[in-house]
Amino acid sequence: MRTIWLYSLLLLTCLPGQAQQRAHYSQYMLNNYLLNPALSGIENYTDVRLGHRKQWSGLSDAPQTSFITANWSLGDQYLWPNPLSFDEKGDNPMQRNYQQHYTSSPAHHGMGILIANDHAAQINSTVLGISYAYHLQMNGRLNLSMGLSGGFNRTSINTAGLLMESPSDPALANATRNAFNPDLSIGTWLYGPDFFAGISVQQLVAQTMVFNEDQQYNHSKQIPHVFATAGYKVFFAEDFYVLPSVMAKIVTNTPTSVDANFKMGYRDRAWIGAGYRANDAMVAMAGVNISQLFNVTYSYDFTASPLNQVSNGSHELVIGLLLNNVYKVFCPQNMW
């Protein structure tokens, strides 16, 4: 029936990320660029991340998300061109002594690119965005950046996988398999040696998703998603720190989703963490900086909702590359 087809489309469109149209990431604090274009060019190297998330493992047709991001500063000058910015190559940005001598980066421009594919049941969504950000030096220890990302979102439906009461339903017969919509995001980011705070809006301009020329079926929309994020780093020894952070996701007509995370790290080598997503999951995560080029992180979500009866939890793996890493650091300075 037409009603069944329409209901299925609306439901599946909203499946990823607890009735939100954007994919969910448990390790958001490690790559806030996924959520906020203002982080474009925030580090002193080209930051490349490749990730895959398998949500609700064991549940048939559950969401799966893959992404690649890269962002870098513009120009041929390093953000910290003075060699005294580091005691020596490989100095540790996660060390208390380094944080005490932290200096903000000079004003600069940054760019980035994001490609993400999210698949849930018969709905497949691909996002491509190119971003730009300007980082303003507020004072000797504080920067404020503002960013913009533009691109497109391609949403496709596997109509062959939909079970219909009537295979000749005109809604299915006349359906377009792909919908292309422009995609626009904006954001701002305030950061210093021991804290960050930012807010961004993805899918800034609401777009109607047209899958059928008949107007009675054009009820699906892409709507704005607001992400507010903040974190604060506290050292309890020279080489050990803790980083509590929080993120709120606000989407029209859905309950506000709040993530709280806690990360504990040792120098620039390894870290462990835990998180809680209200009414959804508890998260365990860990990461290791293997070299000055390569790091890897992993998280596992213990499902706390009724889905735990049919789901074995969610897995998320992220691989990071630090390209053009002139100062040979093992870990980020401003994206923790």
Protein backbone atom coordinates (compact mmCIF):
# COMPACT_ATOMS: atom_id res chain seq x y z
CA MET A 1 0.00 0.00 0.00
CA ARG A 2 1.07 3.58 -0.56
CA THR A 3 0.84 4.34 3.15
CA ILE A 4 3.13 1.42 4.01
CA TRP A 5 5.73 2.58 1.46
CA LEU A 6 5.65 6.14 2.71
CA TYR A 7 5.83 5.09 6.35
CA SER A 8 8.79 2.83 5.63
CA LEU A 9 10.60 5.62 3.83
CA LEU A 10 10.11 8.07 6.68
CA LEU A 11 11.13 5.50 9.27
CA LEU A 12 14.25 4.37 7.45
CA THR A 13 15.30 7.90 6.67
CA CYS A 14 15.37 8.59 10.38
CA LEU A 15 16.98 5.35 11.51
CA PRO A 16 20.63 6.41 11.92
CA GLY A 17 21.55 8.10 15.18
CA GLN A 18 18.36 7.74 17.21
CA ALA A 19 15.84 9.21 14.78
CA GLN A 20 18.37 11.71 13.45
CA GLN A 21 19.29 11.99 9.80
CA ARG A 22 23.01 12.47 10.37
CA ALA A 23 25.19 9.51 11.27
CA HIS A 24 26.23 9.09 14.88
CA TYR A 25 29.85 8.85 16.09
CA SER A 26 30.95 7.76 19.56
CA GLN A 27 34.49 9.14 19.12
CA TYR A 28 33.37 12.66 18.29
CA MET A 29 35.91 14.27 20.64
CA LEU A 30 38.80 12.86 18.57
CA ASN A 31 37.56 14.28 15.28
CA ASN A 32 35.16 17.13 15.88
CA TYR A 33 35.78 18.12 12.28
CA LEU A 34 33.09 15.54 11.44
CA LEU A 35 30.58 17.83 13.16
CA ASN A 36 32.07 21.30 12.82
CA PRO A 37 33.81 22.83 9.77
CA ALA A 38 35.45 25.46 11.99
CA LEU A 39 38.15 22.90 12.82
CA SER A 40 39.53 23.00 9.29
CA GLY A 41 43.30 23.60 9.56
CA ILE A 42 43.40 23.58 13.37
CA GLU A 43 46.58 21.46 13.61
CA ASN A 44 50.13 21.98 12.42
CA TYR A 45 49.93 19.08 9.97
CA THR A 46 47.44 17.56 7.53
CA ASP A 47 45.03 15.54 9.64
CA VAL A 48 43.55 12.54 7.84
CA ARG A 49 41.02 10.19 9.47
CA LEU A 50 39.43 7.02 8.11
CA GLY A 51 36.66 5.42 10.11
CA HIS A 52 33.97 2.77 10.08
CA ARG A 53 31.06 2.33 12.49
CA LYS A 54 28.88 -0.78 12.65
CA GLN A 55 25.88 0.07 14.79
CA TRP A 56 23.71 -2.47 16.62
CA SER A 57 25.79 -5.45 15.54
CA GLY A 58 23.69 -8.57 15.08
CA LEU A 59 20.60 -6.67 14.00
CA SER A 60 19.72 -7.20 10.35
CA ASP A 61 20.10 -4.11 8.13
CA ALA A 62 21.36 -2.01 11.05
CA PRO A 63 23.16 1.29 10.23
CA GLN A 64 26.76 1.20 9.05
CA THR A 65 28.82 4.32 8.47
CA SER A 66 32.17 4.82 6.74
CA PHE A 67 33.99 8.13 6.42
CA ILE A 68 37.20 9.82 5.41
CA THR A 69 38.14 13.33 6.47
CA ALA A 70 41.18 15.49 5.80
CA ASN A 71 41.88 19.06 6.86
CA TRP A 72 44.94 21.29 6.68
CA SER A 73 46.09 24.89 7.06
CA LEU A 74 46.55 27.03 3.96
CA GLY A 75 49.81 28.65 2.97
CA ASP A 76 53.43 27.58 3.19
CA GLN A 77 54.01 28.87 6.71
CA TYR A 78 53.71 26.55 9.68
CA LEU A 79 51.25 27.56 12.35
CA TRP A 80 54.09 27.66 14.87
CA PRO A 81 57.06 28.66 12.66
CA ASN A 82 59.33 29.46 15.60
CA PRO A 83 61.42 26.35 16.39
CA LEU A 84 61.20 27.31 20.06
CA SER A 85 57.54 26.31 19.92
CA PHE A 86 58.84 22.85 20.80
CA ASP A 87 61.81 21.99 23.01
CA GLU A 88 62.82 19.47 20.37
CA LYS A 89 61.25 17.48 17.58
CA GLY A 90 58.70 15.13 19.05
CA ASP A 91 58.04 17.18 22.18
CA ASN A 92 54.81 16.09 23.80
CA PRO A 93 51.79 18.43 23.45
CA MET A 94 49.97 16.43 26.13
CA GLN A 95 52.56 17.24 28.79
CA ARG A 96 51.71 19.68 31.59
CA ASN A 97 54.93 21.65 31.09
CA TYR A 98 54.14 22.12 27.41
CA GLN A 99 50.62 23.34 28.22
CA GLN A 100 52.02 25.92 30.65
CA HIS A 101 54.11 27.39 27.81
CA TYR A 102 51.36 27.11 25.22
CA THR A 103 51.00 29.92 22.70
CA SER A 104 48.02 30.33 20.40
CA SER A 105 48.54 29.91 16.70
CA PRO A 106 48.81 32.98 14.45
CA ALA A 107 45.74 33.93 12.44
CA HIS A 108 45.45 31.58 9.49
CA HIS A 109 43.10 29.89 7.01
CA GLY A 110 42.21 26.21 6.78
CA MET A 111 40.47 23.85 4.40
CA GLY A 112 39.12 20.34 4.58
CA ILE A 113 37.11 17.64 2.89
CA LEU A 114 34.59 15.14 4.22
CA ILE A 115 33.18 12.06 2.51
CA ALA A 116 30.76 9.92 4.51
CA ASN A 117 28.47 7.07 3.57
CA ASP A 118 25.67 5.92 5.85
CA HIS A 119 23.69 2.78 5.06
CA ALA A 120 20.58 1.72 7.01
CA ALA A 121 18.21 -0.94 5.72
CA GLN A 122 17.07 0.21 2.26
CA ILE A 123 18.30 3.79 2.65
CA ASN A 124 21.80 4.81 1.62
CA SER A 125 23.09 8.36 2.13
CA THR A 126 26.38 9.82 0.90
CA VAL A 127 27.64 13.25 1.99
CA LEU A 128 30.43 15.15 0.29
CA GLY A 129 31.55 18.47 1.71
CA ILE A 130 34.44 20.91 1.24
CA SER A 131 35.12 23.27 4.13
CA TYR A 132 36.89 26.54 4.84
CA ALA A 133 37.74 28.10 8.19
CA TYR A 134 39.46 31.23 9.46
CA HIS A 135 41.31 31.02 12.77
CA LEU A 136 41.55 34.32 14.61
CA GLN A 137 44.21 34.81 17.29
CA MET A 138 42.33 36.33 20.23
CA ASN A 139 45.36 36.63 22.51
CA GLY A 140 48.52 34.73 23.38
CA ARG A 141 46.63 31.63 24.51
CA LEU A 142 43.26 31.73 22.77
CA ASN A 143 41.95 31.20 19.23
CA LEU A 144 38.49 31.57 17.73
CA SER A 145 37.68 29.95 14.42
CA MET A 146 34.66 30.19 12.12
CA GLY A 147 33.96 27.70 9.37
CA LEU A 148 31.67 26.93 6.48
CA SER A 149 31.15 23.69 4.54
CA GLY A 150 29.32 23.22 1.26
CA GLY A 151 28.57 20.16 -0.81
CA PHE A 152 25.76 17.76 -1.52
CA ASN A 153 23.86 14.85 -0.03
CA ARG A 154 22.82 11.92 -2.22
CA THR A 155 20.10 9.70 -0.75
CA SER A 156 19.10 6.52 -2.53
CA ILE A 157 16.44 3.88 -1.92
CA ASN A 158 16.71 0.19 -2.72
CA THR A 159 13.08 -0.23 -3.76
CA ALA A 160 13.70 -3.89 -4.62
CA GLY A 161 14.25 -4.54 -0.91
CA LEU A 162 10.88 -3.10 0.14
CA LEU A 163 8.11 -5.58 0.83
CA MET A 164 4.93 -4.27 -0.72
CA GLU A 165 1.37 -5.51 -0.34
CA SER A 166 0.93 -4.68 -4.04
CA PRO A 167 4.02 -4.86 -6.30
CA SER A 168 2.25 -2.60 -8.79
CA ASP A 169 1.78 0.19 -6.23
CA PRO A 170 2.14 3.43 -8.25
CA ALA A 171 4.16 5.03 -5.46
CA LEU A 172 6.83 2.40 -6.01
CA ALA A 173 6.54 2.25 -9.78
CA ASN A 174 7.05 6.00 -10.18
CA ALA A 175 9.65 6.40 -7.46
CA THR A 176 13.00 7.99 -8.20
CA ARG A 177 15.80 5.88 -6.73
CA ASN A 178 18.12 8.82 -5.97
CA ALA A 179 17.64 12.29 -4.53
CA PHE A 180 20.36 14.95 -4.65
CA ASN A 181 20.23 17.90 -2.27
CA PRO A 182 22.69 20.73 -1.55
CA ASP A 183 24.32 20.45 1.85
CA LEU A 184 25.50 23.44 3.91
CA SER A 185 27.06 23.53 7.39
CA ILE A 186 28.43 26.34 9.55
CA GLY A 187 30.25 26.39 12.86
CA THR A 188 32.43 28.24 15.34
CA TRP A 189 35.13 26.91 17.68
CA LEU A 190 36.86 28.53 20.67
CA TYR A 191 40.01 26.79 21.89
CA GLY A 192 42.99 27.22 24.16
CA PRO A 193 45.60 25.05 25.90
CA ASP A 194 43.14 23.24 28.18
CA PHE A 195 39.62 23.62 26.80
CA PHE A 196 37.46 23.74 23.70
CA ALA A 197 33.88 24.79 23.02
CA GLY A 198 31.94 25.03 19.81
CA ILE A 199 28.59 24.98 18.10
CA SER A 200 27.67 23.97 14.57
CA VAL A 201 24.65 23.47 12.36
CA GLN A 202 24.56 20.74 9.72
CA GLN A 203 21.94 20.62 6.96
CA LEU A 204 21.54 24.32 7.59
CA VAL A 205 18.94 24.78 4.85
CA ALA A 206 15.99 22.39 5.14
CA GLN A 207 15.50 20.47 1.91
CA THR A 208 12.53 18.45 0.66
CA MET A 209 13.57 14.96 -0.43
CA VAL A 210 11.67 14.25 -3.64
CA PHE A 211 11.34 10.59 -4.56
CA ASN A 212 8.11 10.84 -6.53
CA GLU A 213 6.65 13.46 -8.86
CA ASP A 214 3.28 13.02 -7.21
CA GLN A 215 3.19 15.73 -4.51
CA GLN A 216 1.28 13.57 -2.05
CA TYR A 217 4.43 11.50 -1.50
CA ASN A 218 6.84 14.41 -0.96
CA HIS A 219 6.74 14.37 2.82
CA SER A 220 10.38 13.59 3.66
CA LYS A 221 12.68 16.46 4.59
CA GLN A 222 16.28 17.00 5.51
CA ILE A 223 16.22 19.24 8.57
CA PRO A 224 18.91 21.21 10.45
CA HIS A 225 20.97 19.44 13.13
CA VAL A 226 22.63 21.51 15.88
CA PHE A 227 25.73 20.19 17.69
CA ALA A 228 27.04 21.93 20.84
CA THR A 229 30.32 20.58 22.22
CA ALA A 230 32.68 21.45 25.08
CA GLY A 231 35.56 19.84 26.95
CA TYR A 232 38.17 20.69 29.58
CA LYS A 233 41.57 19.09 30.22
CA VAL A 234 42.90 18.61 33.75
CA PHE A 235 46.38 17.33 34.63
CA PHE A 236 46.80 15.31 37.83
CA ALA A 237 50.49 14.50 37.15
CA GLU A 238 53.12 15.72 34.70
CA ASP A 239 52.26 13.10 32.09
CA PHE A 240 48.69 12.13 32.98
CA TYR A 241 45.54 14.08 32.16
CA VAL A 242 41.79 13.62 32.20
CA LEU A 243 39.42 15.19 29.71
CA PRO A 244 35.69 15.32 30.42
CA SER A 245 33.57 16.47 27.48
CA VAL A 246 29.92 16.78 26.56
CA MET A 247 27.95 17.07 23.35
CA ALA A 248 24.29 17.96 22.85
CA LYS A 249 22.52 17.19 19.57
CA ILE A 250 19.38 19.16 18.84
CA VAL A 251 17.04 18.15 16.02
CA THR A 252 13.54 19.50 15.46
CA ASN A 253 10.73 17.26 16.74
CA THR A 254 13.09 14.81 18.42
CA PRO A 255 14.35 14.69 22.04
CA THR A 256 17.69 16.40 22.62
CA SER A 257 20.44 13.79 22.74
CA VAL A 258 23.29 14.30 25.23
CA ASP A 259 26.65 12.49 25.19
CA ALA A 260 29.00 12.68 28.18
CA ASN A 261 32.54 11.36 27.81
CA PHE A 262 35.60 10.94 30.01
CA LYS A 263 39.07 10.37 28.60
CA MET A 264 42.32 9.67 30.50
CA GLY A 265 45.63 9.82 28.67
CA TYR A 266 49.33 9.19 29.24
CA ARG A 267 51.59 11.68 27.45
CA ASP A 268 51.19 11.33 23.73
CA ARG A 269 51.20 7.54 23.68
CA ALA A 270 47.92 5.99 24.81
CA TRP A 271 44.53 6.75 26.32
CA ILE A 272 41.36 5.07 27.55
CA GLY A 273 37.89 6.51 27.94
CA ALA A 274 34.24 5.94 28.75
CA GLY A 275 31.02 7.59 27.73
CA TYR A 276 27.29 7.62 28.30
CA ARG A 277 24.61 8.50 25.81
CA ALA A 278 21.32 9.14 27.60
CA ASN A 279 18.75 6.37 27.10
CA ASP A 280 20.88 4.68 24.47
CA ALA A 281 24.32 3.32 25.30
CA MET A 282 27.41 3.20 27.48
CA VAL A 283 30.72 3.43 25.61
CA ALA A 284 34.20 2.03 26.24
CA MET A 285 37.06 3.32 24.09
CA ALA A 286 40.84 3.30 23.79
CA GLY A 287 43.53 4.58 21.48
CA VAL A 288 47.24 4.41 20.84
CA ASN A 289 49.57 6.74 18.93
CA ILE A 290 51.76 4.19 17.21
CA SER A 291 54.16 6.61 15.53
CA GLN A 292 54.54 10.19 14.33
CA LEU A 293 52.51 9.17 11.28
CA PHE A 294 49.90 6.71 12.47
CA ASN A 295 47.37 6.25 15.28
CA VAL A 296 44.37 4.02 15.84
CA THR A 297 41.34 4.23 18.13
CA TYR A 298 38.45 1.87 18.89
CA SER A 299 35.17 2.16 20.75
CA TYR A 300 32.42 -0.27 21.72
CA ASP A 301 28.89 0.79 22.62
CA PHE A 302 27.00 -1.31 25.15
CA THR A 303 23.38 -0.87 24.08
CA ALA A 304 21.26 0.33 27.02
CA SER A 305 17.95 0.67 25.17
CA PRO A 306 15.49 -2.19 24.49
CA LEU A 307 17.53 -2.88 21.35
CA ASN A 308 19.96 -4.80 23.59
CA GLN A 309 17.60 -7.75 23.25
CA VAL A 310 18.52 -8.11 19.57
CA SER A 311 21.79 -6.16 19.28
CA ASN A 312 25.35 -7.06 20.28
CA GLY A 313 26.40 -3.43 20.62
CA SER A 314 28.17 -1.08 18.22
CA HIS A 315 31.78 -1.03 17.00
CA GLU A 316 33.69 2.00 15.77
CA LEU A 317 37.27 1.97 14.43
CA VAL A 318 39.21 5.08 13.37
CA ILE A 319 42.67 5.26 11.81
CA GLY A 320 44.52 8.58 11.83
CA LEU A 321 47.38 9.84 9.68
CA LEU A 322 49.54 12.88 10.53
CA LEU A 323 50.89 14.03 7.17
CA ASN A 324 53.48 16.77 6.73
CA ASN A 325 54.19 16.40 10.44
CA VAL A 326 57.16 18.78 10.53
CA TYR A 327 57.63 18.79 14.30
CA LYS A 328 57.26 14.99 14.52
CA VAL A 329 54.61 15.11 17.24
CA PHE A 330 52.79 11.93 18.19
CA CYS A 331 49.45 13.52 18.97
CA PRO A 332 47.33 16.61 18.28
CA GLN A 333 47.81 19.90 20.06
CA ASN A 334 44.34 21.33 19.63
CA MET A 335 42.10 18.37 18.71
CA TRP A 336 42.30 15.99 21.62
